Amino acid sequence: MDVKNCKGCGRLFNYMYGPQLCPACADDLEKKFQNVKEFLRLNPKASLKDIAEVNEVSTKQIRQWVREERLSFTEDSQIAMECEMCGGKVLTGRFCAKCKANLQNGFNNAVRPKGVAVAPKKNTRDKDKMRYLER
């Protein structure tokens, strides 16, 4: 366990993992997140600037919540993030649906490369059974 200064208020606290915020600042940030989430539910077409001003959070923090997939925007929203791979429209997360699919296929191919056949499992079930001789 480390002792660090809180990025929010500067107080010392016992740091274990995650963002470098003391428990009080972490609770405050979570309350702000809930407020932003509720505001977006009631005002799905609000601009990023309006969301930030009304809820007293930075646009950077809102973008972080979107990248973490904690917040998402509707299709008709004027706010959209850019995909980190292709620059396309992203409503939540870091990648668009097309790039996510490509990444997933790449990971699947890395685990099981093309051209390598997977041997079928042999049925060893009968082999392990106990046999009785009839008298």
C-alpha atoms as a PDB file:
ATOM      1  CA  MET A   1       0.000   0.000   0.000  1.00  0.00           C
ATOM      2  CA  ASP A   2       1.310   3.436  -0.991  1.00  0.00           C
ATOM      3  CA  VAL A   3       0.585   6.815   0.475  1.00  0.00           C
ATOM      4  CA  LYS A   4      -0.127   9.346  -2.287  1.00  0.00           C
ATOM      5  CA  ASN A   5      -1.551  12.798  -2.753  1.00  0.00           C
ATOM      6  CA  CYS A   6      -5.087  12.957  -4.123  1.00  0.00           C
ATOM      7  CA  LYS A   7      -5.270  14.376  -7.666  1.00  0.00           C
ATOM      8  CA  GLY A   8      -8.508  16.140  -6.714  1.00  0.00           C
ATOM      9  CA  CYS A   9      -7.880  17.797  -3.370  1.00  0.00           C
ATOM     10  CA  GLY A  10      -4.187  17.167  -2.626  1.00  0.00           C
ATOM     11  CA  ARG A  11      -4.753  15.316   0.658  1.00  0.00           C
ATOM     12  CA  LEU A  12      -2.688  12.272   1.551  1.00  0.00           C
ATOM     13  CA  PHE A  13      -4.445   8.903   1.396  1.00  0.00           C
ATOM     14  CA  ASN A  14      -3.649   5.207   1.286  1.00  0.00           C
ATOM     15  CA  TYR A  15      -3.518   4.353  -2.418  1.00  0.00           C
ATOM     16  CA  MET A  16      -4.339   0.790  -3.418  1.00  0.00           C
ATOM     17  CA  TYR A  17      -5.404   0.827  -7.112  1.00  0.00           C
ATOM     18  CA  GLY A  18      -7.374   2.777  -9.705  1.00  0.00           C
ATOM     19  CA  PRO A  19      -7.453   6.545 -10.062  1.00  0.00           C
ATOM     20  CA  GLN A  20      -5.337   8.498  -7.620  1.00  0.00           C
ATOM     21  CA  LEU A  21      -8.280   9.967  -5.741  1.00  0.00           C
ATOM     22  CA  CYS A  22      -9.008   9.896  -2.034  1.00  0.00           C
ATOM     23  CA  PRO A  23     -12.276   8.187  -1.032  1.00  0.00           C
ATOM     24  CA  ALA A  24     -14.062  11.539  -0.600  1.00  0.00           C
ATOM     25  CA  CYS A  25     -13.109  12.745  -4.094  1.00  0.00           C
ATOM     26  CA  ALA A  26     -13.915   9.330  -5.602  1.00  0.00           C
ATOM     27  CA  ASP A  27     -17.409   9.477  -4.033  1.00  0.00           C
ATOM     28  CA  ASP A  28     -17.870  13.037  -5.316  1.00  0.00           C
ATOM     29  CA  LEU A  29     -16.833  11.968  -8.823  1.00  0.00           C
ATOM     30  CA  GLU A  30     -19.256   9.033  -8.726  1.00  0.00           C
ATOM     31  CA  LYS A  31     -22.102  11.376  -7.710  1.00  0.00           C
ATOM     32  CA  LYS A  32     -21.222  13.651 -10.633  1.00  0.00           C
ATOM     33  CA  PHE A  33     -21.254  10.637 -12.945  1.00  0.00           C
ATOM     34  CA  GLN A  34     -24.744   9.685 -11.777  1.00  0.00           C
ATOM     35  CA  ASN A  35     -25.893  13.291 -12.332  1.00  0.00           C
ATOM     36  CA  VAL A  36     -24.457  13.323 -15.865  1.00  0.00           C
ATOM     37  CA  LYS A  37     -26.056   9.964 -16.615  1.00  0.00           C
ATOM     38  CA  GLU A  38     -29.468  11.202 -15.439  1.00  0.00           C
ATOM     39  CA  PHE A  39     -29.041  14.483 -17.360  1.00  0.00           C
ATOM     40  CA  LEU A  40     -28.288  12.548 -20.565  1.00  0.00           C
ATOM     41  CA  ARG A  41     -31.320  10.344 -20.018  1.00  0.00           C
ATOM     42  CA  LEU A  42     -33.544  13.438 -19.769  1.00  0.00           C
ATOM     43  CA  ASN A  43     -31.695  15.463 -22.453  1.00  0.00           C
ATOM     44  CA  PRO A  44     -30.295  13.031 -25.043  1.00  0.00           C
ATOM     45  CA  LYS A  45     -29.620  15.779 -27.610  1.00  0.00           C
ATOM     46  CA  ALA A  46     -27.648  18.090 -25.301  1.00  0.00           C
ATOM     47  CA  SER A  47     -24.212  19.260 -26.428  1.00  0.00           C
ATOM     48  CA  LEU A  48     -21.041  18.228 -24.662  1.00  0.00           C
ATOM     49  CA  LYS A  49     -20.476  21.799 -23.490  1.00  0.00           C
ATOM     50  CA  ASP A  50     -23.990  22.001 -22.005  1.00  0.00           C
ATOM     51  CA  ILE A  51     -23.585  18.681 -20.213  1.00  0.00           C
ATOM     52  CA  ALA A  52     -20.280  19.803 -18.719  1.00  0.00           C
ATOM     53  CA  GLU A  53     -21.562  23.226 -17.612  1.00  0.00           C
ATOM     54  CA  VAL A  54     -24.818  22.025 -16.058  1.00  0.00           C
ATOM     55  CA  ASN A  55     -23.181  19.165 -14.155  1.00  0.00           C
ATOM     56  CA  GLU A  56     -19.955  21.000 -13.245  1.00  0.00           C
ATOM     57  CA  VAL A  57     -17.600  18.435 -14.759  1.00  0.00           C
ATOM     58  CA  SER A  58     -14.952  18.826 -17.422  1.00  0.00           C
ATOM     59  CA  THR A  59     -15.512  17.703 -21.001  1.00  0.00           C
ATOM     60  CA  LYS A  60     -12.365  15.624 -20.586  1.00  0.00           C
ATOM     61  CA  GLN A  61     -14.005  13.679 -17.744  1.00  0.00           C
ATOM     62  CA  ILE A  62     -17.140  13.081 -19.825  1.00  0.00           C
ATOM     63  CA  ARG A  63     -14.998  11.797 -22.693  1.00  0.00           C
ATOM     64  CA  GLN A  64     -13.193   9.476 -20.282  1.00  0.00           C
ATOM     65  CA  TRP A  65     -16.497   8.014 -19.089  1.00  0.00           C
ATOM     66  CA  VAL A  66     -17.502   7.439 -22.716  1.00  0.00           C
ATOM     67  CA  ARG A  67     -14.160   5.744 -23.489  1.00  0.00           C
ATOM     68  CA  GLU A  68     -14.634   3.519 -20.406  1.00  0.00           C
ATOM     69  CA  GLU A  69     -18.099   2.619 -21.781  1.00  0.00           C
ATOM     70  CA  ARG A  70     -19.810   3.974 -18.689  1.00  0.00           C
ATOM     71  CA  LEU A  71     -21.705   6.551 -20.774  1.00  0.00           C
ATOM     72  CA  SER A  72     -23.135   6.233 -24.255  1.00  0.00           C
ATOM     73  CA  PHE A  73     -24.820   8.655 -26.600  1.00  0.00           C
ATOM     74  CA  THR A  74     -27.904   8.018 -28.722  1.00  0.00           C
ATOM     75  CA  GLU A  75     -27.796   7.736 -32.519  1.00  0.00           C
ATOM     76  CA  ASP A  76     -29.467  11.136 -32.944  1.00  0.00           C
ATOM     77  CA  SER A  77     -27.142  12.871 -30.468  1.00  0.00           C
ATOM     78  CA  GLN A  78     -24.942  15.664 -31.781  1.00  0.00           C
ATOM     79  CA  ILE A  79     -22.050  14.269 -29.750  1.00  0.00           C
ATOM     80  CA  ALA A  80     -19.920  11.457 -31.088  1.00  0.00           C
ATOM     81  CA  MET A  81     -16.408  10.363 -30.286  1.00  0.00           C
ATOM     82  CA  GLU A  82     -13.874   9.253 -32.896  1.00  0.00           C
ATOM     83  CA  CYS A  83     -12.785   5.644 -33.289  1.00  0.00           C
ATOM     84  CA  GLU A  84      -9.123   5.311 -32.302  1.00  0.00           C
ATOM     85  CA  MET A  85      -8.426   3.107 -35.339  1.00  0.00           C
ATOM     86  CA  CYS A  86     -10.395   4.510 -38.280  1.00  0.00           C
ATOM     87  CA  GLY A  87     -11.740   7.850 -37.034  1.00  0.00           C
ATOM     88  CA  GLY A  88     -15.364   6.798 -37.518  1.00  0.00           C
ATOM     89  CA  LYS A  89     -18.284   7.679 -35.258  1.00  0.00           C
ATOM     90  CA  VAL A  90     -18.311   6.043 -31.824  1.00  0.00           C
ATOM     91  CA  LEU A  91     -21.210   6.394 -29.400  1.00  0.00           C
ATOM     92  CA  THR A  92     -19.438   4.598 -26.549  1.00  0.00           C
ATOM     93  CA  GLY A  93     -16.054   2.973 -26.030  1.00  0.00           C
ATOM     94  CA  ARG A  94     -12.839   3.456 -27.958  1.00  0.00           C
ATOM     95  CA  PHE A  95     -13.595   1.689 -31.246  1.00  0.00           C
ATOM     96  CA  CYS A  96     -16.473   1.601 -33.737  1.00  0.00           C
ATOM     97  CA  ALA A  97     -18.417  -1.628 -34.263  1.00  0.00           C
ATOM     98  CA  LYS A  98     -16.469  -2.494 -37.444  1.00  0.00           C
ATOM     99  CA  CYS A  99     -13.068  -2.066 -35.773  1.00  0.00           C
ATOM    100  CA  LYS A 100     -14.218  -4.014 -32.696  1.00  0.00           C
ATOM    101  CA  ALA A 101     -15.187  -6.901 -34.965  1.00  0.00           C
ATOM    102  CA  ASN A 102     -11.816  -6.723 -36.745  1.00  0.00           C
ATOM    103  CA  LEU A 103      -9.956  -6.729 -33.425  1.00  0.00           C
ATOM    104  CA  GLN A 104     -11.977  -9.668 -32.169  1.00  0.00           C
ATOM    105  CA  ASN A 105     -11.301 -11.618 -35.366  1.00  0.00           C
ATOM    106  CA  GLY A 106      -7.607 -10.797 -35.034  1.00  0.00           C
ATOM    107  CA  PHE A 107      -7.552 -12.102 -31.476  1.00  0.00           C
ATOM    108  CA  ASN A 108      -9.430 -15.240 -32.475  1.00  0.00           C
ATOM    109  CA  ASN A 109      -6.976 -15.855 -35.313  1.00  0.00           C
ATOM    110  CA  ALA A 110      -4.040 -15.348 -32.973  1.00  0.00           C
ATOM    111  CA  VAL A 111      -5.395 -18.025 -30.672  1.00  0.00           C
ATOM    112  CA  ARG A 112      -6.322 -20.418 -33.477  1.00  0.00           C
ATOM    113  CA  PRO A 113      -4.330 -19.569 -36.639  1.00  0.00           C
ATOM    114  CA  LYS A 114      -5.751 -20.376 -40.068  1.00  0.00           C
ATOM    115  CA  GLY A 115      -4.670 -23.648 -41.612  1.00  0.00           C
ATOM    116  CA  VAL A 116      -4.134 -25.378 -38.292  1.00  0.00           C
ATOM    117  CA  ALA A 117      -6.695 -28.086 -37.849  1.00  0.00           C
ATOM    118  CA  VAL A 118      -7.936 -28.838 -34.415  1.00  0.00           C
ATOM    119  CA  ALA A 119      -7.886 -32.570 -33.770  1.00  0.00           C
ATOM    120  CA  PRO A 120     -11.266 -33.899 -32.672  1.00  0.00           C
ATOM    121  CA  LYS A 121     -11.434 -35.271 -29.169  1.00  0.00           C
ATOM    122  CA  LYS A 122     -11.239 -38.997 -28.937  1.00  0.00           C
ATOM    123  CA  ASN A 123     -13.981 -40.742 -27.085  1.00  0.00           C
ATOM    124  CA  THR A 124     -12.153 -42.109 -24.055  1.00  0.00           C
ATOM    125  CA  ARG A 125     -15.345 -42.634 -22.181  1.00  0.00           C
ATOM    126  CA  ASP A 126     -15.733 -46.318 -23.082  1.00  0.00           C
ATOM    127  CA  LYS A 127     -12.090 -46.978 -22.318  1.00  0.00           C
ATOM    128  CA  ASP A 128     -12.406 -46.006 -18.668  1.00  0.00           C
ATOM    129  CA  LYS A 129     -15.491 -48.094 -17.887  1.00  0.00           C
ATOM    130  CA  MET A 130     -15.277 -51.100 -15.636  1.00  0.00           C
ATOM    131  CA  ARG A 131     -16.021 -54.385 -17.396  1.00  0.00           C
ATOM    132  CA  TYR A 132     -17.640 -57.451 -15.848  1.00  0.00           C
ATOM    133  CA  LEU A 133     -17.245 -60.991 -17.047  1.00  0.00           C
ATOM    134  CA  GLU A 134     -20.357 -63.078 -17.203  1.00  0.00           C
ATOM    135  CA  ARG A 135     -20.127 -66.484 -15.496  1.00  0.00           C
END
